[in-house]
Amino acid sequence: MIDKLKPGMSKKQVSFVLGQPVVQNPFNQDRWDYIYTIFVQPNFNSEKRLSVFFVDEHLSHFTGDFVPTDQAEQESELSTTPNTEKEETADSG
């Protein structure tokens, strides 16, 4: 779902991708908030948030607990790639 969001999308397009926001702030029409919750009995609860921001009625950016797939893959590769650089030691002789 996050991968379908692109800067410059209209509010109508974002609404088509994400649905209507859970929280609509009447004082700030340029921010939409979504809250996703999962309850699996007896002990698993998960809550994730997403805030979407608009400038001039078009998607500017989003923040929250979700990361686009390509960015998540890059971060995963960076965290699993071993450091292959060898330390250079200077002779103090």
C-alpha atoms as a PDB file:
ATOM      1  CA  MET A   1       0.000   0.000   0.000  1.00  0.00           C
ATOM      2  CA  ILE A   2       2.775   2.486   0.877  1.00  0.00           C
ATOM      3  CA  ASP A   3       4.589   1.612  -2.348  1.00  0.00           C
ATOM      4  CA  LYS A   4       1.653   3.033  -4.301  1.00  0.00           C
ATOM      5  CA  LEU A   5       2.004   6.489  -2.758  1.00  0.00           C
ATOM      6  CA  LYS A   6       3.846   8.966  -4.964  1.00  0.00           C
ATOM      7  CA  PRO A   7       4.579  12.648  -4.338  1.00  0.00           C
ATOM      8  CA  GLY A   8       2.133  14.887  -6.177  1.00  0.00           C
ATOM      9  CA  MET A   9      -0.853  12.522  -5.903  1.00  0.00           C
ATOM     10  CA  SER A  10      -4.185  14.244  -5.302  1.00  0.00           C
ATOM     11  CA  LYS A  11      -6.158  13.706  -2.096  1.00  0.00           C
ATOM     12  CA  LYS A  12      -8.641  11.668  -4.110  1.00  0.00           C
ATOM     13  CA  GLN A  13      -5.869   9.358  -5.367  1.00  0.00           C
ATOM     14  CA  VAL A  14      -4.433   8.927  -1.866  1.00  0.00           C
ATOM     15  CA  SER A  15      -7.913   8.174  -0.561  1.00  0.00           C
ATOM     16  CA  PHE A  16      -8.307   5.518  -3.261  1.00  0.00           C
ATOM     17  CA  VAL A  17      -5.050   3.839  -2.198  1.00  0.00           C
ATOM     18  CA  LEU A  18      -5.385   4.125   1.600  1.00  0.00           C
ATOM     19  CA  GLY A  19      -9.087   4.664   2.174  1.00  0.00           C
ATOM     20  CA  GLN A  20     -10.503   7.498   4.220  1.00  0.00           C
ATOM     21  CA  PRO A  21      -8.338   8.618   7.151  1.00  0.00           C
ATOM     22  CA  VAL A  22      -9.316   7.470  10.622  1.00  0.00           C
ATOM     23  CA  VAL A  23      -8.606  10.876  12.114  1.00  0.00           C
ATOM     24  CA  GLN A  24      -9.539  14.054  10.276  1.00  0.00           C
ATOM     25  CA  ASN A  25      -8.385  17.245  11.940  1.00  0.00           C
ATOM     26  CA  PRO A  26     -10.793  20.071  11.139  1.00  0.00           C
ATOM     27  CA  PHE A  27      -8.030  22.586  11.873  1.00  0.00           C
ATOM     28  CA  ASN A  28      -5.464  21.000   9.545  1.00  0.00           C
ATOM     29  CA  GLN A  29      -7.004  19.640   6.336  1.00  0.00           C
ATOM     30  CA  ASP A  30      -3.488  18.959   4.989  1.00  0.00           C
ATOM     31  CA  ARG A  31      -2.734  16.098   7.383  1.00  0.00           C
ATOM     32  CA  TRP A  32      -4.459  12.739   7.370  1.00  0.00           C
ATOM     33  CA  ASP A  33      -3.798  10.141  10.068  1.00  0.00           C
ATOM     34  CA  TYR A  34      -4.280   6.400   9.775  1.00  0.00           C
ATOM     35  CA  ILE A  35      -4.054   3.897  12.625  1.00  0.00           C
ATOM     36  CA  TYR A  36      -3.777   0.173  11.891  1.00  0.00           C
ATOM     37  CA  THR A  37      -4.336  -2.222  14.762  1.00  0.00           C
ATOM     38  CA  ILE A  38      -4.121  -6.000  14.981  1.00  0.00           C
ATOM     39  CA  PHE A  39      -5.434  -7.952  17.937  1.00  0.00           C
ATOM     40  CA  VAL A  40      -4.755 -11.681  18.085  1.00  0.00           C
ATOM     41  CA  GLN A  41      -5.844 -13.328  21.290  1.00  0.00           C
ATOM     42  CA  PRO A  42      -4.539 -13.939  23.799  1.00  0.00           C
ATOM     43  CA  ASN A  43      -1.290 -11.957  23.812  1.00  0.00           C
ATOM     44  CA  PHE A  44      -0.519 -10.285  20.491  1.00  0.00           C
ATOM     45  CA  ASN A  45      -1.427  -6.659  19.879  1.00  0.00           C
ATOM     46  CA  SER A  46       0.120  -4.450  17.226  1.00  0.00           C
ATOM     47  CA  GLU A  47      -0.531  -0.824  16.348  1.00  0.00           C
ATOM     48  CA  LYS A  48       1.027   1.045  13.458  1.00  0.00           C
ATOM     49  CA  ARG A  49       0.505   4.657  12.476  1.00  0.00           C
ATOM     50  CA  LEU A  50       0.777   6.605   9.256  1.00  0.00           C
ATOM     51  CA  SER A  51       0.485  10.366   8.773  1.00  0.00           C
ATOM     52  CA  VAL A  52       0.087  11.727   5.254  1.00  0.00           C
ATOM     53  CA  PHE A  53       0.807  15.388   4.488  1.00  0.00           C
ATOM     54  CA  PHE A  54      -0.445  17.515   1.606  1.00  0.00           C
ATOM     55  CA  VAL A  55       0.681  20.825   0.126  1.00  0.00           C
ATOM     56  CA  ASP A  56      -1.709  22.592  -2.261  1.00  0.00           C
ATOM     57  CA  GLU A  57      -4.030  19.536  -2.261  1.00  0.00           C
ATOM     58  CA  HIS A  58      -1.222  17.178  -3.406  1.00  0.00           C
ATOM     59  CA  LEU A  59       0.769  14.584  -1.481  1.00  0.00           C
ATOM     60  CA  SER A  60       3.943  16.049  -0.070  1.00  0.00           C
ATOM     61  CA  HIS A  61       5.261  13.272   2.195  1.00  0.00           C
ATOM     62  CA  PHE A  62       4.273  10.738   4.822  1.00  0.00           C
ATOM     63  CA  THR A  63       5.681   9.622   8.149  1.00  0.00           C
ATOM     64  CA  GLY A  64       5.030   6.752  10.506  1.00  0.00           C
ATOM     65  CA  ASP A  65       5.723   3.093  11.039  1.00  0.00           C
ATOM     66  CA  PHE A  66       5.614   2.070   7.376  1.00  0.00           C
ATOM     67  CA  VAL A  67       8.571   2.125   4.979  1.00  0.00           C
ATOM     68  CA  PRO A  68       8.403   1.680   1.185  1.00  0.00           C
ATOM     69  CA  THR A  69       9.599  -1.757   0.059  1.00  0.00           C
ATOM     70  CA  ASP A  70      12.645  -0.518  -1.878  1.00  0.00           C
ATOM     71  CA  GLN A  71      13.806   1.580   1.083  1.00  0.00           C
ATOM     72  CA  ALA A  72      13.283  -1.329   3.484  1.00  0.00           C
ATOM     73  CA  GLU A  73      15.319  -3.606   1.219  1.00  0.00           C
ATOM     74  CA  GLN A  74      18.147  -1.058   1.033  1.00  0.00           C
ATOM     75  CA  GLU A  75      18.198  -0.679   4.808  1.00  0.00           C
ATOM     76  CA  SER A  76      18.191  -4.470   5.185  1.00  0.00           C
ATOM     77  CA  GLU A  77      21.109  -4.826   2.775  1.00  0.00           C
ATOM     78  CA  LEU A  78      23.088  -2.156   4.608  1.00  0.00           C
ATOM     79  CA  SER A  79      22.562  -3.821   7.965  1.00  0.00           C
ATOM     80  CA  THR A  80      23.563  -7.283   6.683  1.00  0.00           C
ATOM     81  CA  THR A  81      26.527  -6.288   4.490  1.00  0.00           C
ATOM     82  CA  PRO A  82      29.775  -6.987   6.331  1.00  0.00           C
ATOM     83  CA  ASN A  83      32.389  -4.258   6.476  1.00  0.00           C
ATOM     84  CA  THR A  84      35.065  -5.489   4.074  1.00  0.00           C
ATOM     85  CA  GLU A  85      37.366  -2.510   4.402  1.00  0.00           C
ATOM     86  CA  LYS A  86      40.671  -3.424   5.972  1.00  0.00           C
ATOM     87  CA  GLU A  87      42.080  -1.200   8.626  1.00  0.00           C
ATOM     88  CA  GLU A  88      45.350   0.342   7.651  1.00  0.00           C
ATOM     89  CA  THR A  89      47.966   0.409  10.340  1.00  0.00           C
ATOM     90  CA  ALA A  90      50.852   2.794  10.230  1.00  0.00           C
ATOM     91  CA  ASP A  91      54.297   1.659  11.242  1.00  0.00           C
ATOM     92  CA  SER A  92      55.640   3.824  14.016  1.00  0.00           C
ATOM     93  CA  GLY A  93      59.157   2.868  13.607  1.00  0.00           C
END
